[in-house]
Amino acid sequence: MRIIYLFIILFIFGCSSNHKIERAVPEWFFSVPKSKTFFYGVGEGYSLREAKNRALTFIASEINTKISSQLLQETTLSDNQLYREIKEKIKSSVDSIDFNNVIIEKSVQKGDKVFVLVKVNKENLFKHLKLKFEMLDKTIDNEIKIAQNFSILKQVLILKRVTPKIQEALSQIMILNNLNLAFPIQKYQNKYISYLNRKRELIDNLSFNIKVDDEFSKFLLSILNRNGYKVNKNSDINIIVEKNIQIQKIMGLYVAKALVTIRVISNNNTLKTTIIKVKGVANSKEEAERKAAITFKNRIEEIGIDKILGF
């Protein structure tokens, strides 16, 4: 009988505790409104500012979820390695949205906590973000236009530099289309994808001239060939491999320390310089130097030939 009384007391206490918890949070906090005109978000904090910021984070999370779902359906991107990069960029762009004209719809303090319901006008936010996007779009177009006046390699380097801006623009058009379905997302998406494809096409048409006269340059040549880069003695893009080797004998072993400088030169302009330090240890000078060259090859593969070439 005592056990039954104990269960009854615990049940009553539990119901009372749950009731207190429910009363500590306003009812509207659990039923966020849906609207075609406004974004709504709820937040709590120890100050009005903290609660408001969390409410805006709530809205940003809703936008990001919807856009990520939309992005997954975009075959233009999902069939491309861009998908993962753009998805990460979208989250970053959404999290950093400068929400303007935020209206606090409801605000209440319960104990030491403040609970708020905020709303943001979708059309006003769209206009605000569209102005920022148009500035970015103009910058990208201008840089692409200027690049056409240079050599193929210089164009590739400019396109590499502008690629993060293109990725940012791709994420912004997803946000704008989410806010306003009339936004011409396909037009911009096609344009930016063509810019990125252009970079790949230019790289495919590049050829390099490299003087092969030792193990170091031979390994570099083999990596270029393996990665699909063309080597042509008539190319105006030269890869110069300079090395400074010091060999010491320590405790019966030869230690070859090499400082290798790789320069990519076009029209007498050095476009990229990479310095690599390696060493090899062996029973003979020749073998020690060869092992240093093998280490050099491994370091290039770690760094990536694209990075060595400046892409």
C-alpha atoms as a PDB file:
ATOM      1  CA  MET A   1       0.000   0.000   0.000  1.00  0.00           C
ATOM      2  CA  ARG A   2       2.872   2.369   0.827  1.00  0.00           C
ATOM      3  CA  ILE A   3       4.337   1.717  -2.626  1.00  0.00           C
ATOM      4  CA  ILE A   4       1.015   2.713  -4.273  1.00  0.00           C
ATOM      5  CA  TYR A   5       0.883   5.952  -2.249  1.00  0.00           C
ATOM      6  CA  LEU A   6       4.491   6.670  -3.280  1.00  0.00           C
ATOM      7  CA  PHE A   7       3.663   6.272  -6.987  1.00  0.00           C
ATOM      8  CA  ILE A   8       0.619   8.570  -6.602  1.00  0.00           C
ATOM      9  CA  ILE A   9       2.720  11.258  -4.916  1.00  0.00           C
ATOM     10  CA  LEU A  10       5.442  11.018  -7.593  1.00  0.00           C
ATOM     11  CA  PHE A  11       2.808  11.232 -10.343  1.00  0.00           C
ATOM     12  CA  ILE A  12       1.214  14.344  -8.829  1.00  0.00           C
ATOM     13  CA  PHE A  13       4.642  15.939  -8.315  1.00  0.00           C
ATOM     14  CA  GLY A  14       5.647  15.133 -11.889  1.00  0.00           C
ATOM     15  CA  CYS A  15       2.479  16.675 -13.327  1.00  0.00           C
ATOM     16  CA  SER A  16       3.007  19.746 -11.167  1.00  0.00           C
ATOM     17  CA  SER A  17       6.644  20.101 -12.366  1.00  0.00           C
ATOM     18  CA  ASN A  18       5.663  19.762 -16.034  1.00  0.00           C
ATOM     19  CA  HIS A  19       2.925  22.329 -15.532  1.00  0.00           C
ATOM     20  CA  LYS A  20       5.437  24.753 -14.037  1.00  0.00           C
ATOM     21  CA  ILE A  21       7.801  24.233 -16.989  1.00  0.00           C
ATOM     22  CA  GLU A  22       4.999  24.820 -19.482  1.00  0.00           C
ATOM     23  CA  ARG A  23       3.923  27.995 -17.667  1.00  0.00           C
ATOM     24  CA  ALA A  24       7.536  29.212 -17.737  1.00  0.00           C
ATOM     25  CA  VAL A  25       7.386  29.392 -21.556  1.00  0.00           C
ATOM     26  CA  PRO A  26       4.707  31.367 -23.457  1.00  0.00           C
ATOM     27  CA  GLU A  27       2.338  29.232 -25.549  1.00  0.00           C
ATOM     28  CA  TRP A  28       3.111  31.113 -28.781  1.00  0.00           C
ATOM     29  CA  PHE A  29       6.767  30.082 -28.477  1.00  0.00           C
ATOM     30  CA  PHE A  30       5.855  26.587 -29.689  1.00  0.00           C
ATOM     31  CA  SER A  31       3.684  27.638 -32.636  1.00  0.00           C
ATOM     32  CA  VAL A  32       5.731  29.803 -35.020  1.00  0.00           C
ATOM     33  CA  PRO A  33       3.467  31.468 -37.631  1.00  0.00           C
ATOM     34  CA  LYS A  34       3.861  30.699 -41.346  1.00  0.00           C
ATOM     35  CA  SER A  35       3.450  33.484 -43.879  1.00  0.00           C
ATOM     36  CA  LYS A  36       4.137  34.322 -47.528  1.00  0.00           C
ATOM     37  CA  THR A  37       4.974  37.897 -46.559  1.00  0.00           C
ATOM     38  CA  PHE A  38       7.113  37.494 -43.442  1.00  0.00           C
ATOM     39  CA  PHE A  39       9.727  35.226 -41.928  1.00  0.00           C
ATOM     40  CA  TYR A  40       8.935  34.465 -38.293  1.00  0.00           C
ATOM     41  CA  GLY A  41      11.366  33.310 -35.651  1.00  0.00           C
ATOM     42  CA  VAL A  42      11.363  32.703 -31.910  1.00  0.00           C
ATOM     43  CA  GLY A  43      14.231  33.004 -29.496  1.00  0.00           C
ATOM     44  CA  GLU A  44      15.030  33.111 -25.803  1.00  0.00           C
ATOM     45  CA  GLY A  45      17.844  34.649 -23.840  1.00  0.00           C
ATOM     46  CA  TYR A  46      18.849  36.508 -20.712  1.00  0.00           C
ATOM     47  CA  SER A  47      18.344  39.814 -22.505  1.00  0.00           C
ATOM     48  CA  LEU A  48      16.139  41.143 -25.294  1.00  0.00           C
ATOM     49  CA  ARG A  49      19.155  41.420 -27.578  1.00  0.00           C
ATOM     50  CA  GLU A  50      20.207  37.808 -27.012  1.00  0.00           C
ATOM     51  CA  ALA A  51      16.658  36.533 -27.539  1.00  0.00           C
ATOM     52  CA  LYS A  52      16.315  38.593 -30.729  1.00  0.00           C
ATOM     53  CA  ASN A  53      19.609  37.288 -32.140  1.00  0.00           C
ATOM     54  CA  ARG A  54      18.531  33.714 -31.478  1.00  0.00           C
ATOM     55  CA  ALA A  55      15.223  34.381 -33.193  1.00  0.00           C
ATOM     56  CA  LEU A  56      17.094  35.601 -36.281  1.00  0.00           C
ATOM     57  CA  THR A  57      19.291  32.491 -36.111  1.00  0.00           C
ATOM     58  CA  PHE A  58      16.055  30.491 -36.113  1.00  0.00           C
ATOM     59  CA  ILE A  59      14.984  32.259 -39.332  1.00  0.00           C
ATOM     60  CA  ALA A  60      18.416  31.746 -40.923  1.00  0.00           C
ATOM     61  CA  SER A  61      18.225  28.029 -40.124  1.00  0.00           C
ATOM     62  CA  GLU A  62      14.819  27.780 -41.811  1.00  0.00           C
ATOM     63  CA  ILE A  63      16.147  29.535 -44.929  1.00  0.00           C
ATOM     64  CA  ASN A  64      19.254  27.342 -45.049  1.00  0.00           C
ATOM     65  CA  THR A  65      17.231  24.130 -44.752  1.00  0.00           C
ATOM     66  CA  LYS A  66      14.942  25.127 -47.606  1.00  0.00           C
ATOM     67  CA  ILE A  67      17.792  26.239 -49.880  1.00  0.00           C
ATOM     68  CA  SER A  68      19.829  23.083 -49.187  1.00  0.00           C
ATOM     69  CA  SER A  69      16.836  21.011 -50.231  1.00  0.00           C
ATOM     70  CA  GLN A  70      16.464  23.114 -53.371  1.00  0.00           C
ATOM     71  CA  LEU A  71      20.181  22.812 -54.154  1.00  0.00           C
ATOM     72  CA  LEU A  72      20.022  19.022 -53.941  1.00  0.00           C
ATOM     73  CA  GLN A  73      17.464  19.054 -56.757  1.00  0.00           C
ATOM     74  CA  GLU A  74      19.634  21.269 -58.976  1.00  0.00           C
ATOM     75  CA  THR A  75      21.302  18.800 -61.336  1.00  0.00           C
ATOM     76  CA  THR A  76      23.558  21.545 -62.712  1.00  0.00           C
ATOM     77  CA  LEU A  77      25.294  21.670 -59.355  1.00  0.00           C
ATOM     78  CA  SER A  78      24.608  18.298 -57.745  1.00  0.00           C
ATOM     79  CA  ASP A  79      26.372  16.488 -60.613  1.00  0.00           C
ATOM     80  CA  ASN A  80      29.393  18.706 -60.088  1.00  0.00           C
ATOM     81  CA  GLN A  81      32.059  18.942 -57.380  1.00  0.00           C
ATOM     82  CA  LEU A  82      30.708  22.440 -56.829  1.00  0.00           C
ATOM     83  CA  TYR A  83      27.774  20.974 -54.875  1.00  0.00           C
ATOM     84  CA  ARG A  84      29.651  20.546 -51.596  1.00  0.00           C
ATOM     85  CA  GLU A  85      31.485  23.871 -51.916  1.00  0.00           C
ATOM     86  CA  ILE A  86      28.309  25.823 -52.711  1.00  0.00           C
ATOM     87  CA  LYS A  87      26.377  24.122 -49.907  1.00  0.00           C
ATOM     88  CA  GLU A  88      29.005  25.225 -47.384  1.00  0.00           C
ATOM     89  CA  LYS A  89      29.061  28.715 -48.899  1.00  0.00           C
ATOM     90  CA  ILE A  90      25.266  28.973 -48.670  1.00  0.00           C
ATOM     91  CA  LYS A  91      25.292  28.195 -44.956  1.00  0.00           C
ATOM     92  CA  SER A  92      27.995  30.803 -44.407  1.00  0.00           C
ATOM     93  CA  SER A  93      26.074  33.391 -46.471  1.00  0.00           C
ATOM     94  CA  VAL A  94      22.771  32.682 -44.719  1.00  0.00           C
ATOM     95  CA  ASP A  95      24.367  32.828 -41.265  1.00  0.00           C
ATOM     96  CA  SER A  96      25.828  36.244 -42.106  1.00  0.00           C
ATOM     97  CA  ILE A  97      22.630  37.742 -43.567  1.00  0.00           C
ATOM     98  CA  ASP A  98      22.186  41.322 -42.465  1.00  0.00           C
ATOM     99  CA  PHE A  99      18.497  41.180 -41.512  1.00  0.00           C
ATOM    100  CA  ASN A 100      17.004  44.647 -41.843  1.00  0.00           C
ATOM    101  CA  ASN A 101      13.691  46.024 -40.563  1.00  0.00           C
ATOM    102  CA  VAL A 102      13.335  43.352 -37.874  1.00  0.00           C
ATOM    103  CA  ILE A 103      10.014  43.722 -36.043  1.00  0.00           C
ATOM    104  CA  ILE A 104       9.524  42.332 -32.537  1.00  0.00           C
ATOM    105  CA  GLU A 105       6.005  40.926 -32.703  1.00  0.00           C
ATOM    106  CA  LYS A 106       5.862  39.621 -29.138  1.00  0.00           C
ATOM    107  CA  SER A 107       8.130  39.864 -26.133  1.00  0.00           C
ATOM    108  CA  VAL A 108       7.673  38.546 -22.609  1.00  0.00           C
ATOM    109  CA  GLN A 109       9.903  37.987 -19.607  1.00  0.00           C
ATOM    110  CA  LYS A 110       9.511  34.809 -17.577  1.00  0.00           C
ATOM    111  CA  GLY A 111      11.759  34.790 -14.552  1.00  0.00           C
ATOM    112  CA  ASP A 112      15.281  35.623 -15.753  1.00  0.00           C
ATOM    113  CA  LYS A 113      14.506  34.654 -19.372  1.00  0.00           C
ATOM    114  CA  VAL A 114      13.207  36.836 -22.216  1.00  0.00           C
ATOM    115  CA  PHE A 115      11.145  35.215 -24.991  1.00  0.00           C
ATOM    116  CA  VAL A 116      10.535  36.951 -28.308  1.00  0.00           C
ATOM    117  CA  LEU A 117       8.719  36.411 -31.582  1.00  0.00           C
ATOM    118  CA  VAL A 118      10.183  38.460 -34.446  1.00  0.00           C
ATOM    119  CA  LYS A 119       9.239  38.899 -38.073  1.00  0.00           C
ATOM    120  CA  VAL A 120      11.142  40.068 -41.151  1.00  0.00           C
ATOM    121  CA  ASN A 121       9.467  41.300 -44.322  1.00  0.00           C
ATOM    122  CA  LYS A 122      10.575  39.007 -47.161  1.00  0.00           C
ATOM    123  CA  GLU A 123      10.269  41.616 -49.929  1.00  0.00           C
ATOM    124  CA  ASN A 124      12.256  44.249 -48.034  1.00  0.00           C
ATOM    125  CA  LEU A 125      14.951  41.700 -47.243  1.00  0.00           C
ATOM    126  CA  PHE A 126      15.016  40.625 -50.903  1.00  0.00           C
ATOM    127  CA  LYS A 127      15.557  44.198 -52.120  1.00  0.00           C
ATOM    128  CA  HIS A 128      18.273  44.768 -49.524  1.00  0.00           C
ATOM    129  CA  LEU A 129      20.205  41.602 -50.446  1.00  0.00           C
ATOM    130  CA  LYS A 130      19.659  42.105 -54.183  1.00  0.00           C
ATOM    131  CA  LEU A 131      21.519  45.425 -54.098  1.00  0.00           C
ATOM    132  CA  LYS A 132      24.518  43.773 -52.440  1.00  0.00           C
ATOM    133  CA  PHE A 133      24.407  40.918 -54.951  1.00  0.00           C
ATOM    134  CA  GLU A 134      24.312  43.268 -57.952  1.00  0.00           C
ATOM    135  CA  MET A 135      27.536  44.915 -56.767  1.00  0.00           C
ATOM    136  CA  LEU A 136      29.215  41.510 -56.472  1.00  0.00           C
ATOM    137  CA  ASP A 137      27.917  40.415 -59.878  1.00  0.00           C
ATOM    138  CA  LYS A 138      29.284  43.576 -61.509  1.00  0.00           C
ATOM    139  CA  THR A 139      32.697  43.018 -59.910  1.00  0.00           C
ATOM    140  CA  ILE A 140      32.862  39.443 -61.214  1.00  0.00           C
ATOM    141  CA  ASP A 141      31.857  40.434 -64.765  1.00  0.00           C
ATOM    142  CA  ASN A 142      34.468  43.207 -64.836  1.00  0.00           C
ATOM    143  CA  GLU A 143      37.271  40.878 -63.704  1.00  0.00           C
ATOM    144  CA  ILE A 144      36.295  38.255 -66.283  1.00  0.00           C
ATOM    145  CA  LYS A 145      36.235  40.903 -69.015  1.00  0.00           C
ATOM    146  CA  ILE A 146      39.684  42.213 -68.056  1.00  0.00           C
ATOM    147  CA  ALA A 147      41.103  38.666 -68.008  1.00  0.00           C
ATOM    148  CA  GLN A 148      40.380  38.250 -71.732  1.00  0.00           C
ATOM    149  CA  ASN A 149      43.176  40.722 -72.531  1.00  0.00           C
ATOM    150  CA  PHE A 150      45.895  38.473 -71.059  1.00  0.00           C
ATOM    151  CA  SER A 151      47.656  35.221 -71.895  1.00  0.00           C
ATOM    152  CA  ILE A 152      45.970  31.895 -71.225  1.00  0.00           C
ATOM    153  CA  LEU A 153      47.952  31.294 -68.033  1.00  0.00           C
ATOM    154  CA  LYS A 154      47.214  34.788 -66.732  1.00  0.00           C
ATOM    155  CA  GLN A 155      43.509  34.258 -67.502  1.00  0.00           C
ATOM    156  CA  VAL A 156      43.570  31.033 -65.494  1.00  0.00           C
ATOM    157  CA  LEU A 157      45.186  32.793 -62.538  1.00  0.00           C
ATOM    158  CA  ILE A 158      42.606  35.599 -62.668  1.00  0.00           C
ATOM    159  CA  LEU A 159      39.770  33.069 -62.860  1.00  0.00           C
ATOM    160  CA  LYS A 160      41.277  31.251 -59.877  1.00  0.00           C
ATOM    161  CA  ARG A 161      41.323  34.500 -57.923  1.00  0.00           C
ATOM    162  CA  VAL A 162      37.705  35.286 -58.792  1.00  0.00           C
ATOM    163  CA  THR A 163      36.411  31.744 -58.107  1.00  0.00           C
ATOM    164  CA  PRO A 164      35.568  32.393 -54.394  1.00  0.00           C
ATOM    165  CA  LYS A 165      33.509  35.415 -55.507  1.00  0.00           C
ATOM    166  CA  ILE A 166      31.681  33.249 -58.060  1.00  0.00           C
ATOM    167  CA  GLN A 167      30.918  30.687 -55.352  1.00  0.00           C
ATOM    168  CA  GLU A 168      29.635  33.486 -53.122  1.00  0.00           C
ATOM    169  CA  ALA A 169      27.446  34.778 -55.965  1.00  0.00           C
ATOM    170  CA  LEU A 170      26.052  31.278 -56.571  1.00  0.00           C
ATOM    171  CA  SER A 171      25.053  31.047 -52.925  1.00  0.00           C
ATOM    172  CA  GLN A 172      23.499  34.521 -52.981  1.00  0.00           C
ATOM    173  CA  ILE A 173      21.296  33.792 -55.996  1.00  0.00           C
ATOM    174  CA  MET A 174      19.954  30.732 -54.170  1.00  0.00           C
ATOM    175  CA  ILE A 175      19.007  32.965 -51.251  1.00  0.00           C
ATOM    176  CA  LEU A 176      17.427  35.584 -53.522  1.00  0.00           C
ATOM    177  CA  ASN A 177      15.419  32.955 -55.368  1.00  0.00           C
ATOM    178  CA  ASN A 178      14.222  31.621 -52.032  1.00  0.00           C
ATOM    179  CA  LEU A 179      12.978  35.092 -51.115  1.00  0.00           C
ATOM    180  CA  ASN A 180      11.454  35.809 -54.514  1.00  0.00           C
ATOM    181  CA  LEU A 181      10.704  33.027 -56.998  1.00  0.00           C
ATOM    182  CA  ALA A 182      10.617  35.587 -59.825  1.00  0.00           C
ATOM    183  CA  PHE A 183      14.355  36.189 -59.432  1.00  0.00           C
ATOM    184  CA  PRO A 184      16.071  34.905 -62.643  1.00  0.00           C
ATOM    185  CA  ILE A 185      18.310  32.383 -60.904  1.00  0.00           C
ATOM    186  CA  GLN A 186      18.893  30.231 -63.990  1.00  0.00           C
ATOM    187  CA  LYS A 187      20.347  33.117 -65.978  1.00  0.00           C
ATOM    188  CA  TYR A 188      22.951  33.884 -63.348  1.00  0.00           C
ATOM    189  CA  GLN A 189      23.650  30.259 -62.542  1.00  0.00           C
ATOM    190  CA  ASN A 190      24.373  29.452 -66.187  1.00  0.00           C
ATOM    191  CA  LYS A 191      26.683  32.457 -66.431  1.00  0.00           C
ATOM    192  CA  TYR A 192      28.725  31.567 -63.350  1.00  0.00           C
ATOM    193  CA  ILE A 193      29.001  27.897 -64.280  1.00  0.00           C
ATOM    194  CA  SER A 194      30.265  28.961 -67.724  1.00  0.00           C
ATOM    195  CA  TYR A 195      32.948  31.097 -66.034  1.00  0.00           C
ATOM    196  CA  LEU A 196      34.105  28.112 -63.968  1.00  0.00           C
ATOM    197  CA  ASN A 197      34.024  25.794 -66.981  1.00  0.00           C
ATOM    198  CA  ARG A 198      36.057  28.354 -68.893  1.00  0.00           C
ATOM    199  CA  LYS A 199      38.837  28.032 -66.324  1.00  0.00           C
ATOM    200  CA  ARG A 200      38.916  24.257 -66.802  1.00  0.00           C
ATOM    201  CA  GLU A 201      38.977  24.639 -70.608  1.00  0.00           C
ATOM    202  CA  LEU A 202      41.871  27.083 -70.431  1.00  0.00           C
ATOM    203  CA  ILE A 203      43.835  24.745 -68.184  1.00  0.00           C
ATOM    204  CA  ASP A 204      43.231  21.880 -70.621  1.00  0.00           C
ATOM    205  CA  ASN A 205      44.705  24.001 -73.439  1.00  0.00           C
ATOM    206  CA  LEU A 206      47.809  24.988 -71.515  1.00  0.00           C
ATOM    207  CA  SER A 207      51.220  23.581 -72.330  1.00  0.00           C
ATOM    208  CA  PHE A 208      54.514  23.961 -70.487  1.00  0.00           C
ATOM    209  CA  ASN A 209      58.172  23.835 -71.387  1.00  0.00           C
ATOM    210  CA  ILE A 210      60.413  22.200 -68.807  1.00  0.00           C
ATOM    211  CA  LYS A 211      64.111  21.409 -69.098  1.00  0.00           C
ATOM    212  CA  VAL A 212      64.730  17.860 -67.904  1.00  0.00           C
ATOM    213  CA  ASP A 213      68.348  17.319 -66.902  1.00  0.00           C
ATOM    214  CA  ASP A 214      68.279  15.557 -63.504  1.00  0.00           C
ATOM    215  CA  GLU A 215      66.153  13.337 -61.239  1.00  0.00           C
ATOM    216  CA  PHE A 216      64.293  16.308 -59.744  1.00  0.00           C
ATOM    217  CA  SER A 217      63.069  17.666 -63.076  1.00  0.00           C
ATOM    218  CA  LYS A 218      62.302  14.115 -64.300  1.00  0.00           C
ATOM    219  CA  PHE A 219      59.984  13.511 -61.362  1.00  0.00           C
ATOM    220  CA  LEU A 220      58.284  16.866 -61.937  1.00  0.00           C
ATOM    221  CA  LEU A 221      57.785  16.009 -65.616  1.00  0.00           C
ATOM    222  CA  SER A 222      56.233  12.638 -64.739  1.00  0.00           C
ATOM    223  CA  ILE A 223      53.762  14.332 -62.363  1.00  0.00           C
ATOM    224  CA  LEU A 224      52.796  16.872 -65.042  1.00  0.00           C
ATOM    225  CA  ASN A 225      52.133  14.067 -67.531  1.00  0.00           C
ATOM    226  CA  ARG A 226      50.209  11.997 -65.006  1.00  0.00           C
ATOM    227  CA  ASN A 227      47.917  14.948 -64.273  1.00  0.00           C
ATOM    228  CA  GLY A 228      47.166  15.574 -67.937  1.00  0.00           C
ATOM    229  CA  TYR A 229      49.286  18.681 -68.469  1.00  0.00           C
ATOM    230  CA  LYS A 230      50.841  19.070 -71.902  1.00  0.00           C
ATOM    231  CA  VAL A 231      54.580  19.545 -72.259  1.00  0.00           C
ATOM    232  CA  ASN A 232      55.725  21.380 -75.372  1.00  0.00           C
ATOM    233  CA  LYS A 233      59.196  22.794 -76.087  1.00  0.00           C
ATOM    234  CA  ASN A 234      57.610  25.650 -78.049  1.00  0.00           C
ATOM    235  CA  SER A 235      55.419  26.760 -75.135  1.00  0.00           C
ATOM    236  CA  ASP A 236      55.915  30.291 -73.853  1.00  0.00           C
ATOM    237  CA  ILE A 237      55.287  29.078 -70.303  1.00  0.00           C
ATOM    238  CA  ASN A 238      58.506  27.796 -68.759  1.00  0.00           C
ATOM    239  CA  ILE A 239      58.945  25.762 -65.594  1.00  0.00           C
ATOM    240  CA  ILE A 240      62.406  26.309 -64.171  1.00  0.00           C
ATOM    241  CA  VAL A 241      63.751  23.902 -61.548  1.00  0.00           C
ATOM    242  CA  GLU A 242      66.714  25.306 -59.601  1.00  0.00           C
ATOM    243  CA  LYS A 243      68.360  23.315 -56.862  1.00  0.00           C
ATOM    244  CA  ASN A 244      71.104  23.842 -54.330  1.00  0.00           C
ATOM    245  CA  ILE A 245      72.407  20.556 -52.903  1.00  0.00           C
ATOM    246  CA  GLN A 246      74.782  20.157 -49.975  1.00  0.00           C
ATOM    247  CA  ILE A 247      76.132  16.719 -49.110  1.00  0.00           C
ATOM    248  CA  GLN A 248      77.679  15.847 -45.766  1.00  0.00           C
ATOM    249  CA  LYS A 249      79.015  12.624 -44.344  1.00  0.00           C
ATOM    250  CA  ILE A 250      77.731  11.936 -40.845  1.00  0.00           C
ATOM    251  CA  MET A 251      78.611   8.756 -38.931  1.00  0.00           C
ATOM    252  CA  GLY A 252      79.455   6.885 -42.133  1.00  0.00           C
ATOM    253  CA  LEU A 253      76.294   7.950 -43.996  1.00  0.00           C
ATOM    254  CA  TYR A 254      75.895  10.588 -46.672  1.00  0.00           C
ATOM    255  CA  VAL A 255      73.204  13.216 -46.080  1.00  0.00           C
ATOM    256  CA  ALA A 256      72.036  15.201 -49.117  1.00  0.00           C
ATOM    257  CA  LYS A 257      70.162  18.392 -48.250  1.00  0.00           C
ATOM    258  CA  ALA A 258      68.469  20.062 -51.218  1.00  0.00           C
ATOM    259  CA  LEU A 259      66.803  23.435 -51.523  1.00  0.00           C
ATOM    260  CA  VAL A 260      64.683  23.272 -54.690  1.00  0.00           C
ATOM    261  CA  THR A 261      63.046  26.329 -56.247  1.00  0.00           C
ATOM    262  CA  ILE A 262      60.338  25.870 -58.883  1.00  0.00           C
ATOM    263  CA  ARG A 263      59.490  28.937 -60.950  1.00  0.00           C
ATOM    264  CA  VAL A 264      56.632  29.280 -63.439  1.00  0.00           C
ATOM    265  CA  ILE A 265      57.565  32.003 -65.938  1.00  0.00           C
ATOM    266  CA  SER A 266      55.569  33.489 -68.807  1.00  0.00           C
ATOM    267  CA  ASN A 267      56.705  36.409 -70.989  1.00  0.00           C
ATOM    268  CA  ASN A 268      59.623  37.015 -68.620  1.00  0.00           C
ATOM    269  CA  ASN A 269      57.225  37.384 -65.693  1.00  0.00           C
ATOM    270  CA  THR A 270      57.510  35.015 -62.744  1.00  0.00           C
ATOM    271  CA  LEU A 271      53.921  33.980 -61.985  1.00  0.00           C
ATOM    272  CA  LYS A 272      54.550  31.434 -59.255  1.00  0.00           C
ATOM    273  CA  THR A 273      57.500  30.457 -57.090  1.00  0.00           C
ATOM    274  CA  THR A 274      57.592  27.392 -54.832  1.00  0.00           C
ATOM    275  CA  ILE A 275      60.500  26.515 -52.559  1.00  0.00           C
ATOM    276  CA  ILE A 276      60.843  22.957 -51.257  1.00  0.00           C
ATOM    277  CA  LYS A 277      63.420  21.671 -48.749  1.00  0.00           C
ATOM    278  CA  VAL A 278      64.205  17.942 -48.835  1.00  0.00           C
ATOM    279  CA  LYS A 279      66.953  15.544 -47.798  1.00  0.00           C
ATOM    280  CA  GLY A 280      68.101  12.001 -48.447  1.00  0.00           C
ATOM    281  CA  VAL A 281      70.310   9.657 -46.441  1.00  0.00           C
ATOM    282  CA  ALA A 282      72.243   6.734 -47.963  1.00  0.00           C
ATOM    283  CA  ASN A 283      75.579   4.921 -48.126  1.00  0.00           C
ATOM    284  CA  SER A 284      76.713   6.871 -51.202  1.00  0.00           C
ATOM    285  CA  LYS A 285      76.484  10.444 -52.450  1.00  0.00           C
ATOM    286  CA  GLU A 286      74.556   9.423 -55.564  1.00  0.00           C
ATOM    287  CA  GLU A 287      71.997   7.379 -53.641  1.00  0.00           C
ATOM    288  CA  ALA A 288      71.563  10.132 -51.027  1.00  0.00           C
ATOM    289  CA  GLU A 289      70.840  12.641 -53.788  1.00  0.00           C
ATOM    290  CA  ARG A 290      68.403  10.225 -55.448  1.00  0.00           C
ATOM    291  CA  LYS A 291      66.543   9.733 -52.175  1.00  0.00           C
ATOM    292  CA  ALA A 292      66.309  13.526 -51.810  1.00  0.00           C
ATOM    293  CA  ALA A 293      64.788  13.630 -55.307  1.00  0.00           C
ATOM    294  CA  ILE A 294      62.238  10.961 -54.320  1.00  0.00           C
ATOM    295  CA  THR A 295      61.319  12.999 -51.251  1.00  0.00           C
ATOM    296  CA  PHE A 296      60.974  16.011 -53.561  1.00  0.00           C
ATOM    297  CA  LYS A 297      58.505  14.067 -55.737  1.00  0.00           C
ATOM    298  CA  ASN A 298      56.481  13.062 -52.664  1.00  0.00           C
ATOM    299  CA  ARG A 299      56.359  16.675 -51.453  1.00  0.00           C
ATOM    300  CA  ILE A 300      55.028  17.875 -54.828  1.00  0.00           C
ATOM    301  CA  GLU A 301      52.288  15.269 -54.651  1.00  0.00           C
ATOM    302  CA  GLU A 302      51.434  16.374 -51.101  1.00  0.00           C
ATOM    303  CA  ILE A 303      51.295  20.050 -52.092  1.00  0.00           C
ATOM    304  CA  GLY A 304      49.480  19.319 -55.364  1.00  0.00           C
ATOM    305  CA  ILE A 305      50.738  20.080 -58.849  1.00  0.00           C
ATOM    306  CA  ASP A 306      47.914  22.595 -59.400  1.00  0.00           C
ATOM    307  CA  LYS A 307      49.160  24.631 -56.444  1.00  0.00           C
ATOM    308  CA  ILE A 308      52.751  24.375 -57.698  1.00  0.00           C
ATOM    309  CA  LEU A 309      51.603  25.829 -61.032  1.00  0.00           C
ATOM    310  CA  GLY A 310      49.621  28.561 -59.280  1.00  0.00           C
ATOM    311  CA  PHE A 311      46.089  27.286 -59.964  1.00  0.00           C
END
